[in-house]
C-alpha atoms as a PDB file:
ATOM      1  CA  MET A   1    -207.832 -32.309 -46.970  1.00  0.00           C
ATOM      2  CA  ALA A   2    -208.634 -33.045 -43.319  1.00  0.00           C
ATOM      3  CA  LEU A   3    -205.844 -35.601 -42.866  1.00  0.00           C
ATOM      4  CA  TYR A   4    -203.170 -32.932 -43.358  1.00  0.00           C
ATOM      5  CA  ASP A   5    -204.966 -30.239 -41.319  1.00  0.00           C
ATOM      6  CA  ARG A   6    -204.842 -32.034 -37.983  1.00  0.00           C
ATOM      7  CA  ASP A   7    -202.980 -30.506 -35.079  1.00  0.00           C
ATOM      8  CA  TYR A   8    -200.425 -32.979 -33.728  1.00  0.00           C
ATOM      9  CA  ASN A   9    -199.133 -30.624 -30.993  1.00  0.00           C
ATOM     10  CA  ASN A  10    -195.442 -30.913 -31.960  1.00  0.00           C
ATOM     11  CA  SER A  11    -194.696 -33.685 -29.417  1.00  0.00           C
ATOM     12  CA  ALA A  12    -192.238 -36.387 -30.483  1.00  0.00           C
ATOM     13  CA  VAL A  13    -194.843 -39.114 -30.399  1.00  0.00           C
ATOM     14  CA  ASP A  14    -197.487 -37.108 -32.221  1.00  0.00           C
ATOM     15  CA  THR A  15    -195.045 -35.820 -34.822  1.00  0.00           C
ATOM     16  CA  ASN A  16    -193.868 -39.317 -35.614  1.00  0.00           C
ATOM     17  CA  TYR A  17    -197.467 -40.442 -35.890  1.00  0.00           C
ATOM     18  CA  ALA A  18    -198.236 -37.557 -38.239  1.00  0.00           C
ATOM     19  CA  THR A  19    -195.224 -38.350 -40.404  1.00  0.00           C
ATOM     20  CA  THR A  20    -196.089 -42.032 -40.537  1.00  0.00           C
ATOM     21  CA  THR A  21    -199.734 -41.322 -41.379  1.00  0.00           C
ATOM     22  CA  ASP A  22    -198.748 -38.729 -43.978  1.00  0.00           C
ATOM     23  CA  ASN A  23    -196.301 -41.097 -45.667  1.00  0.00           C
ATOM     24  CA  ALA A  24    -198.834 -43.921 -45.616  1.00  0.00           C
ATOM     25  CA  SER A  25    -201.413 -41.682 -47.291  1.00  0.00           C
ATOM     26  CA  VAL A  26    -198.973 -40.599 -49.999  1.00  0.00           C
ATOM     27  CA  THR A  27    -197.931 -44.208 -50.636  1.00  0.00           C
ATOM     28  CA  PHE A  28    -201.567 -45.333 -50.764  1.00  0.00           C
ATOM     29  CA  MET A  29    -202.488 -42.610 -53.252  1.00  0.00           C
ATOM     30  CA  LYS A  30    -199.449 -43.409 -55.388  1.00  0.00           C
ATOM     31  CA  GLN A  31    -200.460 -47.077 -55.529  1.00  0.00           C
ATOM     32  CA  THR A  32    -204.054 -46.078 -56.314  1.00  0.00           C
ATOM     33  CA  TYR A  33    -203.097 -43.887 -59.268  1.00  0.00           C
ATOM     34  CA  GLN A  34    -200.677 -46.512 -60.557  1.00  0.00           C
ATOM     35  CA  LEU A  35    -203.526 -49.022 -60.556  1.00  0.00           C
ATOM     36  CA  LEU A  36    -205.796 -46.444 -62.174  1.00  0.00           C
ATOM     37  CA  GLY A  37    -203.307 -46.005 -65.013  1.00  0.00           C
ATOM     38  CA  ALA A  38    -202.964 -49.773 -65.430  1.00  0.00           C
ATOM     39  CA  SER A  39    -206.772 -50.075 -65.430  1.00  0.00           C
ATOM     40  CA  MET A  40    -207.042 -47.568 -68.263  1.00  0.00           C
ATOM     41  CA  ILE A  41    -204.576 -49.634 -70.269  1.00  0.00           C
ATOM     42  CA  ALA A  42    -206.641 -52.779 -69.578  1.00  0.00           C
ATOM     43  CA  SER A  43    -209.814 -50.984 -70.666  1.00  0.00           C
ATOM     44  CA  ALA A  44    -208.183 -49.674 -73.842  1.00  0.00           C
ATOM     45  CA  LEU A  45    -206.934 -53.192 -74.572  1.00  0.00           C
ATOM     46  CA  GLY A  46    -210.459 -54.556 -74.117  1.00  0.00           C
ATOM     47  CA  ALA A  47    -211.826 -52.021 -76.607  1.00  0.00           C
ATOM     48  CA  TYR A  48    -209.024 -52.718 -79.081  1.00  0.00           C
ATOM     49  CA  VAL A  49    -209.420 -56.499 -78.932  1.00  0.00           C
ATOM     50  CA  ALA A  50    -213.223 -56.366 -79.221  1.00  0.00           C
ATOM     51  CA  MET A  51    -213.455 -53.706 -81.953  1.00  0.00           C
ATOM     52  CA  PRO A  52    -213.460 -56.208 -84.881  1.00  0.00           C
ATOM     53  CA  TYR A  53    -216.384 -58.011 -83.233  1.00  0.00           C
ATOM     54  CA  VAL A  54    -218.645 -55.006 -82.701  1.00  0.00           C
ATOM     55  CA  GLU A  55    -221.756 -56.792 -84.012  1.00  0.00           C
ATOM     56  CA  ILE A  56    -221.261 -59.685 -81.606  1.00  0.00           C
ATOM     57  CA  ILE A  57    -220.629 -57.265 -78.747  1.00  0.00           C
ATOM     58  CA  SER A  58    -223.838 -55.415 -79.615  1.00  0.00           C
ATOM     59  CA  SER A  59    -225.774 -58.678 -79.551  1.00  0.00           C
ATOM     60  CA  PHE A  60    -224.493 -59.542 -76.089  1.00  0.00           C
ATOM     61  CA  LYS A  61    -224.375 -56.009 -74.666  1.00  0.00           C
ATOM     62  CA  TRP A  62    -226.882 -56.755 -71.891  1.00  0.00           C
ATOM     63  CA  PHE A  63    -224.900 -59.785 -70.742  1.00  0.00           C
ATOM     64  CA  ILE A  64    -221.753 -57.648 -70.600  1.00  0.00           C
ATOM     65  CA  PHE A  65    -223.656 -54.889 -68.819  1.00  0.00           C
ATOM     66  CA  GLY A  66    -225.027 -57.418 -66.318  1.00  0.00           C
ATOM     67  CA  PHE A  67    -221.516 -58.728 -65.629  1.00  0.00           C
ATOM     68  CA  VAL A  68    -220.198 -55.201 -65.111  1.00  0.00           C
ATOM     69  CA  MET A  69    -223.029 -54.349 -62.708  1.00  0.00           C
ATOM     70  CA  PHE A  70    -222.491 -57.612 -60.805  1.00  0.00           C
ATOM     71  CA  MET A  71    -218.801 -56.854 -60.395  1.00  0.00           C
ATOM     72  CA  ALA A  72    -219.460 -53.265 -59.330  1.00  0.00           C
ATOM     73  CA  PHE A  73    -222.010 -54.169 -56.656  1.00  0.00           C
ATOM     74  CA  PHE A  74    -220.984 -57.671 -55.544  1.00  0.00           C
ATOM     75  CA  GLY A  75    -217.862 -58.981 -57.281  1.00  0.00           C
ATOM     76  CA  PHE A  76    -215.273 -56.882 -55.478  1.00  0.00           C
ATOM     77  CA  SER A  77    -216.867 -57.672 -52.122  1.00  0.00           C
ATOM     78  CA  ILE A  78    -216.391 -61.365 -52.878  1.00  0.00           C
ATOM     79  CA  THR A  79    -212.723 -61.037 -53.927  1.00  0.00           C
ATOM     80  CA  ARG A  80    -211.682 -58.519 -51.242  1.00  0.00           C
ATOM     81  CA  LYS A  81    -210.251 -61.115 -48.852  1.00  0.00           C
ATOM     82  CA  ASN A  82    -207.804 -62.402 -51.476  1.00  0.00           C
ATOM     83  CA  ASN A  83    -205.374 -59.695 -52.616  1.00  0.00           C
ATOM     84  CA  THR A  84    -204.340 -61.483 -55.801  1.00  0.00           C
ATOM     85  CA  LEU A  85    -207.911 -62.279 -56.791  1.00  0.00           C
ATOM     86  CA  HIS A  86    -208.951 -58.735 -55.913  1.00  0.00           C
ATOM     87  CA  LEU A  87    -206.286 -57.294 -58.213  1.00  0.00           C
ATOM     88  CA  MET A  88    -207.277 -59.679 -61.010  1.00  0.00           C
ATOM     89  CA  ALA A  89    -210.906 -58.629 -60.574  1.00  0.00           C
ATOM     90  CA  LEU A  90    -209.891 -55.007 -61.140  1.00  0.00           C
ATOM     91  CA  PHE A  91    -208.350 -55.760 -64.525  1.00  0.00           C
ATOM     92  CA  VAL A  92    -211.133 -58.123 -65.596  1.00  0.00           C
ATOM     93  CA  PHE A  93    -213.669 -55.450 -64.677  1.00  0.00           C
ATOM     94  CA  THR A  94    -211.918 -52.620 -66.509  1.00  0.00           C
ATOM     95  CA  PHE A  95    -211.240 -54.864 -69.523  1.00  0.00           C
ATOM     96  CA  ALA A  96    -214.980 -55.665 -69.648  1.00  0.00           C
ATOM     97  CA  LEU A  97    -215.858 -51.966 -69.510  1.00  0.00           C
ATOM     98  CA  GLY A  98    -213.580 -51.398 -72.490  1.00  0.00           C
ATOM     99  CA  VAL A  99    -215.418 -54.142 -74.363  1.00  0.00           C
ATOM    100  CA  MET A 100    -218.779 -52.685 -73.344  1.00  0.00           C
ATOM    101  CA  ILE A 101    -218.198 -49.299 -74.994  1.00  0.00           C
ATOM    102  CA  VAL A 102    -217.035 -50.780 -78.310  1.00  0.00           C
ATOM    103  CA  PRO A 103    -220.425 -50.088 -80.000  1.00  0.00           C
ATOM    104  CA  LEU A 104    -220.183 -46.417 -79.003  1.00  0.00           C
ATOM    105  CA  LEU A 105    -216.595 -46.164 -80.237  1.00  0.00           C
ATOM    106  CA  ALA A 106    -217.416 -47.991 -83.474  1.00  0.00           C
ATOM    107  CA  PHE A 107    -220.414 -45.725 -84.120  1.00  0.00           C
ATOM    108  CA  THR A 108    -218.267 -42.629 -83.558  1.00  0.00           C
ATOM    109  CA  ILE A 109    -215.589 -43.894 -85.946  1.00  0.00           C
ATOM    110  CA  ALA A 110    -218.164 -44.948 -88.563  1.00  0.00           C
ATOM    111  CA  LYS A 111    -219.526 -41.399 -88.611  1.00  0.00           C
ATOM    112  CA  GLY A 112    -216.058 -40.105 -89.439  1.00  0.00           C
ATOM    113  CA  ASN A 113    -215.584 -38.612 -85.990  1.00  0.00           C
ATOM    114  CA  GLY A 114    -212.803 -40.796 -84.662  1.00  0.00           C
ATOM    115  CA  ALA A 115    -211.006 -37.649 -83.487  1.00  0.00           C
ATOM    116  CA  PHE A 116    -213.827 -37.156 -80.991  1.00  0.00           C
ATOM    117  CA  ILE A 117    -212.506 -40.147 -79.039  1.00  0.00           C
ATOM    118  CA  GLY A 118    -209.101 -38.552 -78.514  1.00  0.00           C
ATOM    119  CA  ASN A 119    -210.671 -35.175 -77.795  1.00  0.00           C
ATOM    120  CA  ALA A 120    -213.048 -36.718 -75.248  1.00  0.00           C
ATOM    121  CA  PHE A 121    -210.173 -38.523 -73.521  1.00  0.00           C
ATOM    122  CA  LEU A 122    -208.112 -35.333 -73.356  1.00  0.00           C
ATOM    123  CA  MET A 123    -211.037 -33.282 -72.031  1.00  0.00           C
ATOM    124  CA  THR A 124    -211.829 -35.957 -69.452  1.00  0.00           C
ATOM    125  CA  SER A 125    -208.204 -36.125 -68.326  1.00  0.00           C
ATOM    126  CA  VAL A 126    -208.030 -32.352 -67.836  1.00  0.00           C
ATOM    127  CA  LEU A 127    -211.361 -32.241 -65.994  1.00  0.00           C
ATOM    128  CA  PHE A 128    -210.526 -35.282 -63.862  1.00  0.00           C
ATOM    129  CA  GLY A 129    -207.113 -33.882 -62.964  1.00  0.00           C
ATOM    130  CA  ALA A 130    -208.525 -30.468 -62.055  1.00  0.00           C
ATOM    131  CA  LEU A 131    -211.257 -31.959 -59.880  1.00  0.00           C
ATOM    132  CA  SER A 132    -208.794 -34.282 -58.151  1.00  0.00           C
ATOM    133  CA  LEU A 133    -206.413 -31.429 -57.358  1.00  0.00           C
ATOM    134  CA  PHE A 134    -209.315 -29.391 -56.044  1.00  0.00           C
ATOM    135  CA  ALA A 135    -210.431 -32.247 -53.780  1.00  0.00           C
ATOM    136  CA  ILE A 136    -206.919 -32.826 -52.428  1.00  0.00           C
ATOM    137  CA  ASN A 137    -206.197 -29.165 -51.713  1.00  0.00           C
ATOM    138  CA  SER A 138    -209.638 -28.048 -50.569  1.00  0.00           C
ATOM    139  CA  LYS A 139    -210.182 -27.422 -46.859  1.00  0.00           C
ATOM    140  CA  SER A 140    -213.875 -28.254 -47.244  1.00  0.00           C
ATOM    141  CA  ASP A 141    -215.197 -31.601 -46.054  1.00  0.00           C
ATOM    142  CA  PHE A 142    -217.081 -33.488 -48.773  1.00  0.00           C
ATOM    143  CA  SER A 143    -217.716 -36.651 -46.748  1.00  0.00           C
ATOM    144  CA  SER A 144    -221.431 -35.832 -46.444  1.00  0.00           C
ATOM    145  CA  TRP A 145    -221.881 -36.013 -50.218  1.00  0.00           C
ATOM    146  CA  GLY A 146    -221.980 -39.815 -50.321  1.00  0.00           C
ATOM    147  CA  LYS A 147    -225.673 -40.477 -49.736  1.00  0.00           C
ATOM    148  CA  PRO A 148    -227.017 -37.616 -51.927  1.00  0.00           C
ATOM    149  CA  LEU A 149    -224.721 -38.652 -54.768  1.00  0.00           C
ATOM    150  CA  PHE A 150    -225.808 -42.275 -54.553  1.00  0.00           C
ATOM    151  CA  ILE A 151    -229.498 -41.283 -54.542  1.00  0.00           C
ATOM    152  CA  THR A 152    -228.879 -39.074 -57.582  1.00  0.00           C
ATOM    153  CA  PHE A 153    -227.111 -41.984 -59.284  1.00  0.00           C
ATOM    154  CA  VAL A 154    -230.125 -44.256 -58.716  1.00  0.00           C
ATOM    155  CA  VAL A 155    -232.516 -41.611 -60.085  1.00  0.00           C
ATOM    156  CA  ILE A 156    -230.402 -41.035 -63.215  1.00  0.00           C
ATOM    157  CA  PHE A 157    -229.929 -44.771 -63.734  1.00  0.00           C
ATOM    158  CA  ILE A 158    -233.673 -45.419 -63.593  1.00  0.00           C
ATOM    159  CA  ALA A 159    -234.373 -42.415 -65.838  1.00  0.00           C
ATOM    160  CA  SER A 160    -231.887 -43.703 -68.417  1.00  0.00           C
ATOM    161  CA  LEU A 161    -233.550 -47.131 -68.484  1.00  0.00           C
ATOM    162  CA  VAL A 162    -237.013 -45.576 -68.831  1.00  0.00           C
ATOM    163  CA  ASN A 163    -235.814 -43.397 -71.686  1.00  0.00           C
ATOM    164  CA  TYR A 164    -234.012 -46.278 -73.413  1.00  0.00           C
ATOM    165  CA  PHE A 165    -236.917 -48.724 -73.298  1.00  0.00           C
ATOM    166  CA  LEU A 166    -239.993 -46.447 -73.291  1.00  0.00           C
ATOM    167  CA  LEU A 167    -239.535 -42.771 -74.119  1.00  0.00           C
ATOM    168  CA  HIS A 168    -236.775 -42.838 -76.764  1.00  0.00           C
ATOM    169  CA  SER A 169    -236.423 -39.079 -76.312  1.00  0.00           C
ATOM    170  CA  PRO A 170    -233.267 -37.419 -77.743  1.00  0.00           C
ATOM    171  CA  ILE A 171    -233.775 -34.405 -75.462  1.00  0.00           C
ATOM    172  CA  MET A 172    -234.072 -36.695 -72.450  1.00  0.00           C
ATOM    173  CA  HIS A 173    -230.909 -38.481 -73.555  1.00  0.00           C
ATOM    174  CA  ILE A 174    -229.015 -35.181 -73.668  1.00  0.00           C
ATOM    175  CA  VAL A 175    -230.271 -34.217 -70.208  1.00  0.00           C
ATOM    176  CA  ILE A 176    -229.359 -37.626 -68.756  1.00  0.00           C
ATOM    177  CA  THR A 177    -225.916 -37.597 -70.373  1.00  0.00           C
ATOM    178  CA  ALA A 178    -225.189 -34.108 -69.036  1.00  0.00           C
ATOM    179  CA  GLY A 179    -226.482 -35.241 -65.636  1.00  0.00           C
ATOM    180  CA  ILE A 180    -224.106 -38.218 -65.651  1.00  0.00           C
ATOM    181  CA  LEU A 181    -221.178 -35.938 -66.475  1.00  0.00           C
ATOM    182  CA  LEU A 182    -222.073 -33.587 -63.618  1.00  0.00           C
ATOM    183  CA  LEU A 183    -222.758 -36.434 -61.189  1.00  0.00           C
ATOM    184  CA  PHE A 184    -219.444 -38.198 -61.732  1.00  0.00           C
ATOM    185  CA  SER A 185    -217.600 -34.893 -61.596  1.00  0.00           C
ATOM    186  CA  PHE A 186    -218.921 -34.559 -58.046  1.00  0.00           C
ATOM    187  CA  PHE A 187    -218.107 -38.227 -57.416  1.00  0.00           C
ATOM    188  CA  THR A 188    -214.503 -37.529 -58.453  1.00  0.00           C
ATOM    189  CA  ILE A 189    -214.217 -34.842 -55.768  1.00  0.00           C
ATOM    190  CA  TYR A 190    -215.886 -37.056 -53.180  1.00  0.00           C
ATOM    191  CA  ASP A 191    -213.852 -40.189 -53.967  1.00  0.00           C
ATOM    192  CA  THR A 192    -210.523 -38.379 -54.240  1.00  0.00           C
ATOM    193  CA  GLN A 193    -210.914 -36.754 -50.832  1.00  0.00           C
ATOM    194  CA  ASN A 194    -212.000 -40.069 -49.316  1.00  0.00           C
ATOM    195  CA  ILE A 195    -208.873 -41.721 -50.687  1.00  0.00           C
ATOM    196  CA  ALA A 196    -206.674 -38.933 -49.352  1.00  0.00           C
ATOM    197  CA  ASN A 197    -208.345 -39.214 -45.952  1.00  0.00           C
ATOM    198  CA  GLY A 198    -207.821 -42.971 -45.713  1.00  0.00           C
ATOM    199  CA  ALA A 199    -211.414 -44.090 -46.206  1.00  0.00           C
ATOM    200  CA  TYR A 200    -210.376 -47.075 -48.356  1.00  0.00           C
ATOM    201  CA  ASP A 201    -208.724 -50.229 -47.037  1.00  0.00           C
ATOM    202  CA  SER A 202    -207.321 -51.268 -50.417  1.00  0.00           C
ATOM    203  CA  PRO A 203    -205.822 -49.275 -53.313  1.00  0.00           C
ATOM    204  CA  VAL A 204    -207.736 -51.650 -55.607  1.00  0.00           C
ATOM    205  CA  ASP A 205    -211.071 -50.427 -54.231  1.00  0.00           C
ATOM    206  CA  ALA A 206    -209.884 -46.830 -54.480  1.00  0.00           C
ATOM    207  CA  ALA A 207    -208.768 -47.366 -58.093  1.00  0.00           C
ATOM    208  CA  VAL A 208    -212.156 -48.896 -58.981  1.00  0.00           C
ATOM    209  CA  SER A 209    -213.953 -45.810 -57.668  1.00  0.00           C
ATOM    210  CA  LEU A 210    -211.733 -43.400 -59.594  1.00  0.00           C
ATOM    211  CA  PHE A 211    -211.866 -45.496 -62.756  1.00  0.00           C
ATOM    212  CA  LEU A 212    -215.675 -45.488 -62.720  1.00  0.00           C
ATOM    213  CA  ASP A 213    -215.627 -41.711 -62.293  1.00  0.00           C
ATOM    214  CA  PHE A 214    -213.254 -41.267 -65.219  1.00  0.00           C
ATOM    215  CA  PHE A 215    -215.024 -43.837 -67.399  1.00  0.00           C
ATOM    216  CA  ASN A 216    -218.470 -42.295 -66.964  1.00  0.00           C
ATOM    217  CA  MET A 217    -217.182 -38.773 -67.564  1.00  0.00           C
ATOM    218  CA  PHE A 218    -215.383 -39.952 -70.711  1.00  0.00           C
ATOM    219  CA  THR A 219    -218.414 -41.699 -72.209  1.00  0.00           C
ATOM    220  CA  SER A 220    -220.625 -38.712 -71.345  1.00  0.00           C
ATOM    221  CA  ILE A 221    -218.279 -36.208 -72.972  1.00  0.00           C
ATOM    222  CA  LEU A 222    -217.888 -38.448 -76.031  1.00  0.00           C
ATOM    223  CA  GLN A 223    -221.650 -38.688 -76.442  1.00  0.00           C
ATOM    224  CA  LEU A 224    -222.119 -34.940 -75.963  1.00  0.00           C
ATOM    225  CA  LEU A 225    -219.459 -34.246 -78.602  1.00  0.00           C
ATOM    226  CA  GLY A 226    -221.336 -36.580 -80.941  1.00  0.00           C
ATOM    227  CA  ILE A 227    -224.625 -34.861 -80.180  1.00  0.00           C
ATOM    228  CA  MET A 228    -223.128 -31.458 -80.938  1.00  0.00           C
ATOM    229  CA  GLY A 229    -221.902 -32.980 -84.209  1.00  0.00           C
ATOM    230  CA  ASP A 230    -225.466 -34.155 -84.957  1.00  0.00           C
ATOM    231  CA  ASP A 231    -224.555 -37.824 -84.442  1.00  0.00           C
END
């Protein structure tokens, strides 16, 4: 983590600056992970509330998906200047993501594999925690990963749409799902180090990034568990 590896030359001024910067980083990360935990609760609440209406959710899945994509690419930019609105946008966004995966959760439960959901969450938590600790303690600089990761995201996103609407290939679906898991594992390292190095102005923005990493890893692992169970 580059922020903690800087040489402040032991002078009184520099030492105070280092201490202040260090404390600010710790406080920022604490706020970020608190918001991440609250976001997971909001997402779980969204899934719980929407579960009895799975057929309706399935009918409007593209509207929900469109809203989620709008928020991810434009919504938070619009609300950023208002702290209260920005915080509300975080919980609306994560609640909507919880609603969006209701069909997947319902399908898993209907197949008698409800335990897969808990297993997937546990596996994601362990993987996410390990990757985060690696990013925080690593002396390597991952800041150059941003553009390649985004390009990979675009390629996988387009491939998933092509497969969904045109190819309908189970093998392609497995490859894409595994690719998403790998991609957002790398994103977790990249985002965590960026947060530790002060690349985010708001803990809300930082929490959004980490939540998306966790969410996509969770859904990927859940789907892969289902695939291995022939579902």
